[in-house]
Amino acid sequence: MNAFVKNIPQYTKAHMFLFNALVKAGIPCLTEEPIEIDGELTKDGNQKGYWPDILIPHKKIIIEVEGDFSSSKNNPKRDRYLESKGYVVMHFSNKEVLHDPQEVVSRIRERMRGF
């Protein structure tokens, strides 16, 4: 497991499984990398941001792993905003990631070729 993300509790087994599969496949990716929301601040005056599950920064691809109890697919406003900033948002279920990680990596690679 990558030392950078192993202690982050919001990451599920599926998140880590996919992150490690991408690293093993030689695809540079990040976690815990916020995408700032233009002009929006928190009550404390900090910049608001969206926190993608996994980011492939050089291709501007965001990968969301959908859990059994939560889903970023239910936030089309978020996806539209990110797409307006030039990002591609890809959603995969926990089941897809855990049962066929090579297919998920293959689909991500295919999308990367489009850039």
PDB file of N, CA and C in Angstrom:
ATOM      1  N   MET A   1       0.843  -1.180   0.000  1.00  0.00           N
ATOM      2  CA  MET A   1       0.000   0.000   0.000  1.00  0.00           C
ATOM      3  C   MET A   1       0.891   1.246   0.000  1.00  0.00           C
ATOM      4  N   ASN A   2       0.484   2.246  -0.712  1.00  0.00           N
ATOM      5  CA  ASN A   2       1.247   3.485  -0.816  1.00  0.00           C
ATOM      6  C   ASN A   2       1.227   4.225   0.521  1.00  0.00           C
ATOM      7  N   ALA A   3       2.404   4.592   1.011  1.00  0.00           N
ATOM      8  CA  ALA A   3       2.501   5.258   2.321  1.00  0.00           C
ATOM      9  C   ALA A   3       1.774   6.590   2.353  1.00  0.00           C
ATOM     10  N   PHE A   4       1.637   7.259   1.200  1.00  0.00           N
ATOM     11  CA  PHE A   4       0.990   8.566   1.149  1.00  0.00           C
ATOM     12  C   PHE A   4      -0.476   8.496   1.546  1.00  0.00           C
ATOM     13  N   VAL A   5      -1.144   7.405   1.211  1.00  0.00           N
ATOM     14  CA  VAL A   5      -2.579   7.356   1.441  1.00  0.00           C
ATOM     15  C   VAL A   5      -3.017   6.281   2.432  1.00  0.00           C
ATOM     16  N   LYS A   6      -2.117   5.480   2.972  1.00  0.00           N
ATOM     17  CA  LYS A   6      -2.536   4.345   3.790  1.00  0.00           C
ATOM     18  C   LYS A   6      -3.262   4.732   5.075  1.00  0.00           C
ATOM     19  N   ASN A   7      -3.037   5.927   5.587  1.00  0.00           N
ATOM     20  CA  ASN A   7      -3.665   6.331   6.836  1.00  0.00           C
ATOM     21  C   ASN A   7      -4.884   7.225   6.648  1.00  0.00           C
ATOM     22  N   ILE A   8      -5.372   7.333   5.441  1.00  0.00           N
ATOM     23  CA  ILE A   8      -6.525   8.181   5.176  1.00  0.00           C
ATOM     24  C   ILE A   8      -7.786   7.325   5.295  1.00  0.00           C
ATOM     25  N   PRO A   9      -8.602   7.525   6.320  1.00  0.00           N
ATOM     26  CA  PRO A   9      -9.707   6.616   6.608  1.00  0.00           C
ATOM     27  C   PRO A   9     -10.828   6.596   5.581  1.00  0.00           C
ATOM     28  N   GLN A  10     -11.040   7.664   4.785  1.00  0.00           N
ATOM     29  CA  GLN A  10     -12.162   7.672   3.860  1.00  0.00           C
ATOM     30  C   GLN A  10     -11.914   6.789   2.638  1.00  0.00           C
ATOM     31  N   TYR A  11     -10.701   6.313   2.456  1.00  0.00           N
ATOM     32  CA  TYR A  11     -10.419   5.462   1.315  1.00  0.00           C
ATOM     33  C   TYR A  11     -10.779   4.023   1.646  1.00  0.00           C
ATOM     34  N   THR A  12     -11.585   3.439   0.787  1.00  0.00           N
ATOM     35  CA  THR A  12     -12.042   2.076   0.982  1.00  0.00           C
ATOM     36  C   THR A  12     -11.052   1.099   0.372  1.00  0.00           C
ATOM     37  N   LYS A  13     -11.313  -0.158   0.575  1.00  0.00           N
ATOM     38  CA  LYS A  13     -10.492  -1.206  -0.027  1.00  0.00           C
ATOM     39  C   LYS A  13     -10.477  -1.045  -1.549  1.00  0.00           C
ATOM     40  N   ALA A  14     -11.616  -0.733  -2.139  1.00  0.00           N
ATOM     41  CA  ALA A  14     -11.700  -0.564  -3.597  1.00  0.00           C
ATOM     42  C   ALA A  14     -10.863   0.623  -4.069  1.00  0.00           C
ATOM     43  N   HIS A  15     -10.905   1.730  -3.340  1.00  0.00           N
ATOM     44  CA  HIS A  15     -10.083   2.887  -3.685  1.00  0.00           C
ATOM     45  C   HIS A  15      -8.604   2.502  -3.723  1.00  0.00           C
ATOM     46  N   MET A  16      -8.160   1.860  -2.664  1.00  0.00           N
ATOM     47  CA  MET A  16      -6.752   1.497  -2.550  1.00  0.00           C
ATOM     48  C   MET A  16      -6.369   0.455  -3.601  1.00  0.00           C
ATOM     49  N   PHE A  17      -7.256  -0.482  -3.858  1.00  0.00           N
ATOM     50  CA  PHE A  17      -7.024  -1.525  -4.848  1.00  0.00           C
ATOM     51  C   PHE A  17      -6.796  -0.880  -6.223  1.00  0.00           C
ATOM     52  N   LEU A  18      -7.656   0.076  -6.584  1.00  0.00           N
ATOM     53  CA  LEU A  18      -7.517   0.733  -7.882  1.00  0.00           C
ATOM     54  C   LEU A  18      -6.284   1.629  -7.912  1.00  0.00           C
ATOM     55  N   PHE A  19      -6.055   2.382  -6.857  1.00  0.00           N
ATOM     56  CA  PHE A  19      -4.874   3.242  -6.798  1.00  0.00           C
ATOM     57  C   PHE A  19      -3.609   2.409  -7.024  1.00  0.00           C
ATOM     58  N   ASN A  20      -3.496   1.299  -6.318  1.00  0.00           N
ATOM     59  CA  ASN A  20      -2.321   0.439  -6.448  1.00  0.00           C
ATOM     60  C   ASN A  20      -2.237  -0.196  -7.826  1.00  0.00           C
ATOM     61  N   ALA A  21      -3.370  -0.564  -8.415  1.00  0.00           N
ATOM     62  CA  ALA A  21      -3.369  -1.130  -9.773  1.00  0.00           C
ATOM     63  C   ALA A  21      -2.883  -0.097 -10.787  1.00  0.00           C
ATOM     64  N   LEU A  22      -3.285   1.158 -10.619  1.00  0.00           N
ATOM     65  CA  LEU A  22      -2.833   2.219 -11.518  1.00  0.00           C
ATOM     66  C   LEU A  22      -1.334   2.466 -11.374  1.00  0.00           C
ATOM     67  N   VAL A  23      -0.852   2.508 -10.143  1.00  0.00           N
ATOM     68  CA  VAL A  23       0.577   2.708  -9.901  1.00  0.00           C
ATOM     69  C   VAL A  23       1.366   1.544 -10.514  1.00  0.00           C
ATOM     70  N   LYS A  24       0.889   0.335 -10.286  1.00  0.00           N
ATOM     71  CA  LYS A  24       1.554  -0.857 -10.833  1.00  0.00           C
ATOM     72  C   LYS A  24       1.575  -0.833 -12.362  1.00  0.00           C
ATOM     73  N   ALA A  25       0.528  -0.253 -12.967  1.00  0.00           N
ATOM     74  CA  ALA A  25       0.434  -0.155 -14.426  1.00  0.00           C
ATOM     75  C   ALA A  25       1.257   1.020 -14.964  1.00  0.00           C
ATOM     76  N   GLY A  26       1.905   1.754 -14.076  1.00  0.00           N
ATOM     77  CA  GLY A  26       2.742   2.868 -14.499  1.00  0.00           C
ATOM     78  C   GLY A  26       1.972   4.144 -14.819  1.00  0.00           C
ATOM     79  N   ILE A  27       0.759   4.251 -14.295  1.00  0.00           N
ATOM     80  CA  ILE A  27      -0.056   5.444 -14.520  1.00  0.00           C
ATOM     81  C   ILE A  27       0.105   6.363 -13.312  1.00  0.00           C
ATOM     82  N   PRO A  28       0.750   7.521 -13.502  1.00  0.00           N
ATOM     83  CA  PRO A  28       0.950   8.425 -12.372  1.00  0.00           C
ATOM     84  C   PRO A  28      -0.376   9.024 -11.913  1.00  0.00           C
ATOM     85  N   CYS A  29      -0.657   8.857 -10.636  1.00  0.00           N
ATOM     86  CA  CYS A  29      -1.919   9.369 -10.114  1.00  0.00           C
ATOM     87  C   CYS A  29      -1.732   9.862  -8.687  1.00  0.00           C
ATOM     88  N   LEU A  30      -2.685  10.659  -8.259  1.00  0.00           N
ATOM     89  CA  LEU A  30      -2.646  11.272  -6.931  1.00  0.00           C
ATOM     90  C   LEU A  30      -3.958  11.048  -6.202  1.00  0.00           C
ATOM     91  N   THR A  31      -3.875  11.129  -4.897  1.00  0.00           N
ATOM     92  CA  THR A  31      -5.068  11.219  -4.063  1.00  0.00           C
ATOM     93  C   THR A  31      -4.900  12.468  -3.212  1.00  0.00           C
ATOM     94  N   GLU A  32      -5.970  12.897  -2.591  1.00  0.00           N
ATOM     95  CA  GLU A  32      -5.910  14.067  -1.713  1.00  0.00           C
ATOM     96  C   GLU A  32      -5.430  15.315  -2.440  1.00  0.00           C
ATOM     97  N   GLU A  33      -5.866  15.471  -3.671  1.00  0.00           N
ATOM     98  CA  GLU A  33      -5.490  16.643  -4.465  1.00  0.00           C
ATOM     99  C   GLU A  33      -6.769  17.415  -4.797  1.00  0.00           C
ATOM    100  N   PRO A  34      -7.041  18.517  -4.090  1.00  0.00           N
ATOM    101  CA  PRO A  34      -8.297  19.233  -4.316  1.00  0.00           C
ATOM    102  C   PRO A  34      -8.313  20.005  -5.635  1.00  0.00           C
ATOM    103  N   ILE A  35      -9.498  20.115  -6.196  1.00  0.00           N
ATOM    104  CA  ILE A  35      -9.732  20.959  -7.361  1.00  0.00           C
ATOM    105  C   ILE A  35     -10.505  22.166  -6.826  1.00  0.00           C
ATOM    106  N   GLU A  36      -9.888  23.339  -6.868  1.00  0.00           N
ATOM    107  CA  GLU A  36     -10.505  24.528  -6.285  1.00  0.00           C
ATOM    108  C   GLU A  36     -11.776  24.925  -7.028  1.00  0.00           C
ATOM    109  N   ILE A  37     -12.750  25.410  -6.264  1.00  0.00           N
ATOM    110  CA  ILE A  37     -13.990  25.927  -6.823  1.00  0.00           C
ATOM    111  C   ILE A  37     -13.834  27.439  -6.913  1.00  0.00           C
ATOM    112  N   ASP A  38     -13.814  27.946  -8.125  1.00  0.00           N
ATOM    113  CA  ASP A  38     -13.572  29.376  -8.365  1.00  0.00           C
ATOM    114  C   ASP A  38     -14.501  30.258  -7.533  1.00  0.00           C
ATOM    115  N   GLY A  39     -13.879  31.172  -6.795  1.00  0.00           N
ATOM    116  CA  GLY A  39     -14.634  32.196  -6.100  1.00  0.00           C
ATOM    117  C   GLY A  39     -15.423  31.741  -4.897  1.00  0.00           C
ATOM    118  N   GLU A  40     -15.270  30.497  -4.459  1.00  0.00           N
ATOM    119  CA  GLU A  40     -16.037  30.027  -3.305  1.00  0.00           C
ATOM    120  C   GLU A  40     -15.104  29.776  -2.130  1.00  0.00           C
ATOM    121  N   LEU A  41     -15.477  30.337  -0.992  1.00  0.00           N
ATOM    122  CA  LEU A  41     -14.687  30.196   0.220  1.00  0.00           C
ATOM    123  C   LEU A  41     -15.526  29.552   1.315  1.00  0.00           C
ATOM    124  N   THR A  42     -14.852  28.891   2.238  1.00  0.00           N
ATOM    125  CA  THR A  42     -15.536  28.337   3.403  1.00  0.00           C
ATOM    126  C   THR A  42     -15.824  29.464   4.385  1.00  0.00           C
ATOM    127  N   LYS A  43     -16.534  29.169   5.441  1.00  0.00           N
ATOM    128  CA  LYS A  43     -16.813  30.173   6.476  1.00  0.00           C
ATOM    129  C   LYS A  43     -15.527  30.701   7.100  1.00  0.00           C
ATOM    130  N   ASP A  44     -14.487  29.878   7.098  1.00  0.00           N
ATOM    131  CA  ASP A  44     -13.188  30.272   7.656  1.00  0.00           C
ATOM    132  C   ASP A  44     -12.339  31.059   6.672  1.00  0.00           C
ATOM    133  N   GLY A  45     -12.845  31.269   5.454  1.00  0.00           N
ATOM    134  CA  GLY A  45     -12.102  32.020   4.460  1.00  0.00           C
ATOM    135  C   GLY A  45     -11.150  31.199   3.609  1.00  0.00           C
ATOM    136  N   ASN A  46     -11.195  29.872   3.781  1.00  0.00           N
ATOM    137  CA  ASN A  46     -10.357  28.994   2.970  1.00  0.00           C
ATOM    138  C   ASN A  46     -11.038  28.700   1.633  1.00  0.00           C
ATOM    139  N   GLN A  47     -10.242  28.376   0.654  1.00  0.00           N
ATOM    140  CA  GLN A  47     -10.773  28.043  -0.671  1.00  0.00           C
ATOM    141  C   GLN A  47     -11.547  26.730  -0.610  1.00  0.00           C
ATOM    142  N   LYS A  48     -12.763  26.717  -1.173  1.00  0.00           N
ATOM    143  CA  LYS A  48     -13.521  25.479  -1.269  1.00  0.00           C
ATOM    144  C   LYS A  48     -12.983  24.661  -2.434  1.00  0.00           C
ATOM    145  N   GLY A  49     -13.153  23.356  -2.322  1.00  0.00           N
ATOM    146  CA  GLY A  49     -12.684  22.503  -3.401  1.00  0.00           C
ATOM    147  C   GLY A  49     -13.406  21.174  -3.435  1.00  0.00           C
ATOM    148  N   TYR A  50     -13.319  20.529  -4.587  1.00  0.00           N
ATOM    149  CA  TYR A  50     -13.789  19.157  -4.734  1.00  0.00           C
ATOM    150  C   TYR A  50     -12.583  18.251  -4.556  1.00  0.00           C
ATOM    151  N   TRP A  51     -12.779  17.134  -3.886  1.00  0.00           N
ATOM    152  CA  TRP A  51     -11.697  16.203  -3.601  1.00  0.00           C
ATOM    153  C   TRP A  51     -11.934  14.908  -4.368  1.00  0.00           C
ATOM    154  N   PRO A  52     -11.328  14.772  -5.532  1.00  0.00           N
ATOM    155  CA  PRO A  52     -11.525  13.535  -6.293  1.00  0.00           C
ATOM    156  C   PRO A  52     -10.904  12.337  -5.575  1.00  0.00           C
ATOM    157  N   ASP A  53     -11.472  11.156  -5.824  1.00  0.00           N
ATOM    158  CA  ASP A  53     -10.903   9.943  -5.242  1.00  0.00           C
ATOM    159  C   ASP A  53      -9.487   9.737  -5.770  1.00  0.00           C
ATOM    160  N   ILE A  54      -9.341   9.771  -7.085  1.00  0.00           N
ATOM    161  CA  ILE A  54      -8.042   9.597  -7.729  1.00  0.00           C
ATOM    162  C   ILE A  54      -7.958  10.595  -8.878  1.00  0.00           C
ATOM    163  N   LEU A  55      -6.809  11.228  -9.012  1.00  0.00           N
ATOM    164  CA  LEU A  55      -6.593  12.203 -10.069  1.00  0.00           C
ATOM    165  C   LEU A  55      -5.380  11.790 -10.894  1.00  0.00           C
ATOM    166  N   ILE A  56      -5.545  11.789 -12.213  1.00  0.00           N
ATOM    167  CA  ILE A  56      -4.424  11.613 -13.127  1.00  0.00           C
ATOM    168  C   ILE A  56      -4.172  13.014 -13.677  1.00  0.00           C
ATOM    169  N   PRO A  57      -3.266  13.758 -13.026  1.00  0.00           N
ATOM    170  CA  PRO A  57      -3.146  15.194 -13.303  1.00  0.00           C
ATOM    171  C   PRO A  57      -2.707  15.552 -14.714  1.00  0.00           C
ATOM    172  N   HIS A  58      -1.772  14.819 -15.277  1.00  0.00           N
ATOM    173  CA  HIS A  58      -1.251  15.209 -16.598  1.00  0.00           C
ATOM    174  C   HIS A  58      -2.266  14.969 -17.713  1.00  0.00           C
ATOM    175  N   LYS A  59      -3.304  14.188 -17.443  1.00  0.00           N
ATOM    176  CA  LYS A  59      -4.369  13.953 -18.423  1.00  0.00           C
ATOM    177  C   LYS A  59      -5.691  14.586 -17.991  1.00  0.00           C
ATOM    178  N   LYS A  60      -5.685  15.192 -16.802  1.00  0.00           N
ATOM    179  CA  LYS A  60      -6.893  15.836 -16.239  1.00  0.00           C
ATOM    180  C   LYS A  60      -8.072  14.858 -16.200  1.00  0.00           C
ATOM    181  N   ILE A  61      -7.781  13.654 -15.690  1.00  0.00           N
ATOM    182  CA  ILE A  61      -8.817  12.629 -15.527  1.00  0.00           C
ATOM    183  C   ILE A  61      -9.044  12.426 -14.037  1.00  0.00           C
ATOM    184  N   ILE A  62     -10.311  12.489 -13.653  1.00  0.00           N
ATOM    185  CA  ILE A  62     -10.725  12.235 -12.283  1.00  0.00           C
ATOM    186  C   ILE A  62     -11.436  10.896 -12.258  1.00  0.00           C
ATOM    187  N   ILE A  63     -11.040  10.049 -11.317  1.00  0.00           N
ATOM    188  CA  ILE A  63     -11.656   8.737 -11.174  1.00  0.00           C
ATOM    189  C   ILE A  63     -12.375   8.701  -9.839  1.00  0.00           C
ATOM    190  N   GLU A  64     -13.646   8.373  -9.905  1.00  0.00           N
ATOM    191  CA  GLU A  64     -14.461   8.241  -8.695  1.00  0.00           C
ATOM    192  C   GLU A  64     -14.837   6.777  -8.522  1.00  0.00           C
ATOM    193  N   VAL A  65     -14.590   6.255  -7.323  1.00  0.00           N
ATOM    194  CA  VAL A  65     -14.971   4.894  -6.988  1.00  0.00           C
ATOM    195  C   VAL A  65     -16.225   4.978  -6.130  1.00  0.00           C
ATOM    196  N   GLU A  66     -17.292   4.414  -6.660  1.00  0.00           N
ATOM    197  CA  GLU A  66     -18.597   4.523  -6.008  1.00  0.00           C
ATOM    198  C   GLU A  66     -18.797   3.416  -4.984  1.00  0.00           C
ATOM    199  N   GLY A  67     -18.981   3.828  -3.736  1.00  0.00           N
ATOM    200  CA  GLY A  67     -19.181   2.876  -2.655  1.00  0.00           C
ATOM    201  C   GLY A  67     -20.591   2.324  -2.612  1.00  0.00           C
ATOM    202  N   ASP A  68     -20.782   1.404  -1.707  1.00  0.00           N
ATOM    203  CA  ASP A  68     -22.097   0.789  -1.534  1.00  0.00           C
ATOM    204  C   ASP A  68     -23.095   1.757  -0.914  1.00  0.00           C
ATOM    205  N   PHE A  69     -22.598   2.736  -0.147  1.00  0.00           N
ATOM    206  CA  PHE A  69     -23.499   3.626   0.573  1.00  0.00           C
ATOM    207  C   PHE A  69     -23.418   5.072   0.114  1.00  0.00           C
ATOM    208  N   SER A  70     -22.441   5.393  -0.711  1.00  0.00           N
ATOM    209  CA  SER A  70     -22.332   6.768  -1.191  1.00  0.00           C
ATOM    210  C   SER A  70     -21.925   6.756  -2.652  1.00  0.00           C
ATOM    211  N   SER A  71     -22.296   7.822  -3.325  1.00  0.00           N
ATOM    212  CA  SER A  71     -21.984   7.892  -4.747  1.00  0.00           C
ATOM    213  C   SER A  71     -21.843   9.330  -5.186  1.00  0.00           C
ATOM    214  N   SER A  72     -20.729   9.622  -5.831  1.00  0.00           N
ATOM    215  CA  SER A  72     -20.568  10.961  -6.394  1.00  0.00           C
ATOM    216  C   SER A  72     -21.321  11.079  -7.711  1.00  0.00           C
ATOM    217  N   LYS A  73     -21.821   9.944  -8.236  1.00  0.00           N
ATOM    218  CA  LYS A  73     -22.632   9.983  -9.459  1.00  0.00           C
ATOM    219  C   LYS A  73     -23.908  10.791  -9.220  1.00  0.00           C
ATOM    220  N   ASN A  74     -24.296  10.877  -7.970  1.00  0.00           N
ATOM    221  CA  ASN A  74     -25.510  11.608  -7.625  1.00  0.00           C
ATOM    222  C   ASN A  74     -25.262  13.106  -7.538  1.00  0.00           C
ATOM    223  N   ASN A  75     -24.109  13.565  -8.001  1.00  0.00           N
ATOM    224  CA  ASN A  75     -23.782  14.977  -7.944  1.00  0.00           C
ATOM    225  C   ASN A  75     -23.413  15.483  -9.346  1.00  0.00           C
ATOM    226  N   PRO A  76     -24.396  15.582 -10.227  1.00  0.00           N
ATOM    227  CA  PRO A  76     -24.095  16.033 -11.593  1.00  0.00           C
ATOM    228  C   PRO A  76     -23.562  17.463 -11.637  1.00  0.00           C
ATOM    229  N   LYS A  77     -23.939  18.287 -10.662  1.00  0.00           N
ATOM    230  CA  LYS A  77     -23.419  19.661 -10.613  1.00  0.00           C
ATOM    231  C   LYS A  77     -21.901  19.640 -10.463  1.00  0.00           C
ATOM    232  N   ARG A  78     -21.422  18.772  -9.605  1.00  0.00           N
ATOM    233  CA  ARG A  78     -19.978  18.612  -9.393  1.00  0.00           C
ATOM    234  C   ARG A  78     -19.291  18.187 -10.687  1.00  0.00           C
ATOM    235  N   ASP A  79     -19.824  17.164 -11.336  1.00  0.00           N
ATOM    236  CA  ASP A  79     -19.233  16.675 -12.585  1.00  0.00           C
ATOM    237  C   ASP A  79     -19.232  17.759 -13.659  1.00  0.00           C
ATOM    238  N   ARG A  80     -20.330  18.487 -13.778  1.00  0.00           N
ATOM    239  CA  ARG A  80     -20.393  19.558 -14.787  1.00  0.00           C
ATOM    240  C   ARG A  80     -19.345  20.630 -14.520  1.00  0.00           C
ATOM    241  N   TYR A  81     -19.178  21.000 -13.247  1.00  0.00           N
ATOM    242  CA  TYR A  81     -18.177  22.001 -12.894  1.00  0.00           C
ATOM    243  C   TYR A  81     -16.783  21.501 -13.274  1.00  0.00           C
ATOM    244  N   LEU A  82     -16.458  20.281 -12.882  1.00  0.00           N
ATOM    245  CA  LEU A  82     -15.141  19.726 -13.181  1.00  0.00           C
ATOM    246  C   LEU A  82     -14.915  19.620 -14.686  1.00  0.00           C
ATOM    247  N   GLU A  83     -15.938  19.207 -15.420  1.00  0.00           N
ATOM    248  CA  GLU A  83     -15.825  19.124 -16.879  1.00  0.00           C
ATOM    249  C   GLU A  83     -15.638  20.509 -17.492  1.00  0.00           C
ATOM    250  N   SER A  84     -16.260  21.527 -16.891  1.00  0.00           N
ATOM    251  CA  SER A  84     -16.090  22.891 -17.404  1.00  0.00           C
ATOM    252  C   SER A  84     -14.655  23.389 -17.203  1.00  0.00           C
ATOM    253  N   LYS A  85     -13.935  22.765 -16.282  1.00  0.00           N
ATOM    254  CA  LYS A  85     -12.538  23.108 -16.017  1.00  0.00           C
ATOM    255  C   LYS A  85     -11.577  22.218 -16.814  1.00  0.00           C
ATOM    256  N   GLY A  86     -12.147  21.406 -17.716  1.00  0.00           N
ATOM    257  CA  GLY A  86     -11.315  20.583 -18.588  1.00  0.00           C
ATOM    258  C   GLY A  86     -11.024  19.182 -18.093  1.00  0.00           C
ATOM    259  N   TYR A  87     -11.663  18.779 -17.007  1.00  0.00           N
ATOM    260  CA  TYR A  87     -11.456  17.431 -16.481  1.00  0.00           C
ATOM    261  C   TYR A  87     -12.450  16.457 -17.103  1.00  0.00           C
ATOM    262  N   VAL A  88     -12.029  15.198 -17.196  1.00  0.00           N
ATOM    263  CA  VAL A  88     -12.918  14.103 -17.553  1.00  0.00           C
ATOM    264  C   VAL A  88     -13.169  13.347 -16.263  1.00  0.00           C
ATOM    265  N   VAL A  89     -14.434  13.085 -15.954  1.00  0.00           N
ATOM    266  CA  VAL A  89     -14.778  12.368 -14.732  1.00  0.00           C
ATOM    267  C   VAL A  89     -15.251  10.964 -15.108  1.00  0.00           C
ATOM    268  N   MET A  90     -14.577   9.964 -14.545  1.00  0.00           N
ATOM    269  CA  MET A  90     -14.939   8.568 -14.782  1.00  0.00           C
ATOM    270  C   MET A  90     -15.421   7.963 -13.463  1.00  0.00           C
ATOM    271  N   HIS A  91     -16.536   7.246 -13.526  1.00  0.00           N
ATOM    272  CA  HIS A  91     -17.106   6.610 -12.339  1.00  0.00           C
ATOM    273  C   HIS A  91     -17.018   5.087 -12.484  1.00  0.00           C
ATOM    274  N   PHE A  92     -16.585   4.428 -11.419  1.00  0.00           N
ATOM    275  CA  PHE A  92     -16.540   2.965 -11.374  1.00  0.00           C
ATOM    276  C   PHE A  92     -17.117   2.512 -10.040  1.00  0.00           C
ATOM    277  N   SER A  93     -17.809   1.401 -10.056  1.00  0.00           N
ATOM    278  CA  SER A  93     -18.369   0.864  -8.815  1.00  0.00           C
ATOM    279  C   SER A  93     -17.300   0.070  -8.069  1.00  0.00           C
ATOM    280  N   ASN A  94     -17.509  -0.087  -6.773  1.00  0.00           N
ATOM    281  CA  ASN A  94     -16.626  -0.949  -5.976  1.00  0.00           C
ATOM    282  C   ASN A  94     -16.539  -2.324  -6.622  1.00  0.00           C
ATOM    283  N   LYS A  95     -17.684  -2.839  -7.047  1.00  0.00           N
ATOM    284  CA  LYS A  95     -17.740  -4.179  -7.636  1.00  0.00           C
ATOM    285  C   LYS A  95     -16.852  -4.271  -8.879  1.00  0.00           C
ATOM    286  N   GLU A  96     -16.933  -3.280  -9.765  1.00  0.00           N
ATOM    287  CA  GLU A  96     -16.093  -3.274 -10.966  1.00  0.00           C
ATOM    288  C   GLU A  96     -14.608  -3.299 -10.590  1.00  0.00           C
ATOM    289  N   VAL A  97     -14.235  -2.460  -9.638  1.00  0.00           N
ATOM    290  CA  VAL A  97     -12.833  -2.335  -9.244  1.00  0.00           C
ATOM    291  C   VAL A  97     -12.320  -3.624  -8.606  1.00  0.00           C
ATOM    292  N   LEU A  98     -13.104  -4.202  -7.717  1.00  0.00           N
ATOM    293  CA  LEU A  98     -12.645  -5.381  -6.984  1.00  0.00           C
ATOM    294  C   LEU A  98     -12.715  -6.666  -7.810  1.00  0.00           C
ATOM    295  N   HIS A  99     -13.677  -6.744  -8.731  1.00  0.00           N
ATOM    296  CA  HIS A  99     -13.845  -7.983  -9.504  1.00  0.00           C
ATOM    297  C   HIS A  99     -13.075  -8.007 -10.812  1.00  0.00           C
ATOM    298  N   ASP A 100     -12.798  -6.851 -11.397  1.00  0.00           N
ATOM    299  CA  ASP A 100     -12.070  -6.836 -12.662  1.00  0.00           C
ATOM    300  C   ASP A 100     -11.220  -5.575 -12.780  1.00  0.00           C
ATOM    301  N   PRO A 101     -10.215  -5.456 -11.904  1.00  0.00           N
ATOM    302  CA  PRO A 101      -9.407  -4.237 -11.908  1.00  0.00           C
ATOM    303  C   PRO A 101      -8.679  -4.008 -13.233  1.00  0.00           C
ATOM    304  N   GLN A 102      -8.291  -5.066 -13.919  1.00  0.00           N
ATOM    305  CA  GLN A 102      -7.586  -4.888 -15.189  1.00  0.00           C
ATOM    306  C   GLN A 102      -8.494  -4.266 -16.246  1.00  0.00           C
ATOM    307  N   GLU A 103      -9.777  -4.598 -16.229  1.00  0.00           N
ATOM    308  CA  GLU A 103     -10.728  -3.974 -17.151  1.00  0.00           C
ATOM    309  C   GLU A 103     -10.871  -2.488 -16.837  1.00  0.00           C
ATOM    310  N   VAL A 104     -10.926  -2.149 -15.565  1.00  0.00           N
ATOM    311  CA  VAL A 104     -11.024  -0.745 -15.159  1.00  0.00           C
ATOM    312  C   VAL A 104      -9.768   0.010 -15.602  1.00  0.00           C
ATOM    313  N   VAL A 105      -8.604  -0.551 -15.352  1.00  0.00           N
ATOM    314  CA  VAL A 105      -7.355   0.092 -15.772  1.00  0.00           C
ATOM    315  C   VAL A 105      -7.330   0.230 -17.292  1.00  0.00           C
ATOM    316  N   SER A 106      -7.800  -0.794 -17.997  1.00  0.00           N
ATOM    317  CA  SER A 106      -7.852  -0.751 -19.461  1.00  0.00           C
ATOM    318  C   SER A 106      -8.751   0.383 -19.952  1.00  0.00           C
ATOM    319  N   ARG A 107      -9.910   0.555 -19.319  1.00  0.00           N
ATOM    320  CA  ARG A 107     -10.824   1.642 -19.705  1.00  0.00           C
ATOM    321  C   ARG A 107     -10.209   3.009 -19.419  1.00  0.00           C
ATOM    322  N   ILE A 108      -9.470   3.114 -18.337  1.00  0.00           N
ATOM    323  CA  ILE A 108      -8.798   4.374 -18.002  1.00  0.00           C
ATOM    324  C   ILE A 108      -7.707   4.659 -19.039  1.00  0.00           C
ATOM    325  N   ARG A 109      -6.919   3.640 -19.359  1.00  0.00           N
ATOM    326  CA  ARG A 109      -5.872   3.809 -20.388  1.00  0.00           C
ATOM    327  C   ARG A 109      -6.482   4.244 -21.735  1.00  0.00           C
ATOM    328  N   GLU A 110      -7.592   3.632 -22.082  1.00  0.00           N
ATOM    329  CA  GLU A 110      -8.270   3.983 -23.326  1.00  0.00           C
ATOM    330  C   GLU A 110      -8.667   5.453 -23.323  1.00  0.00           C
ATOM    331  N   ARG A 111      -9.190   5.911 -22.213  1.00  0.00           N
ATOM    332  CA  ARG A 111      -9.605   7.311 -22.098  1.00  0.00           C
ATOM    333  C   ARG A 111      -8.391   8.239 -22.157  1.00  0.00           C
ATOM    334  N   MET A 112      -7.281   7.784 -21.576  1.00  0.00           N
ATOM    335  CA  MET A 112      -6.046   8.580 -21.582  1.00  0.00           C
ATOM    336  C   MET A 112      -5.541   8.780 -23.013  1.00  0.00           C
ATOM    337  N   ARG A 113      -5.742   7.812 -23.868  1.00  0.00           N
ATOM    338  CA  ARG A 113      -5.293   7.916 -25.253  1.00  0.00           C
ATOM    339  C   ARG A 113      -6.007   9.031 -25.999  1.00  0.00           C
ATOM    340  N   GLY A 114      -7.181   9.401 -25.503  1.00  0.00           N
ATOM    341  CA  GLY A 114      -7.948  10.469 -26.147  1.00  0.00           C
ATOM    342  C   GLY A 114      -7.378  11.854 -25.896  1.00  0.00           C
ATOM    343  N   PHE A 115      -6.317  11.937 -25.087  1.00  0.00           N
ATOM    344  CA  PHE A 115      -5.744  13.238 -24.741  1.00  0.00           C
ATOM    345  C   PHE A 115      -4.352  13.380 -25.297  1.00  0.00           C
TER     346      PHE A 115
END
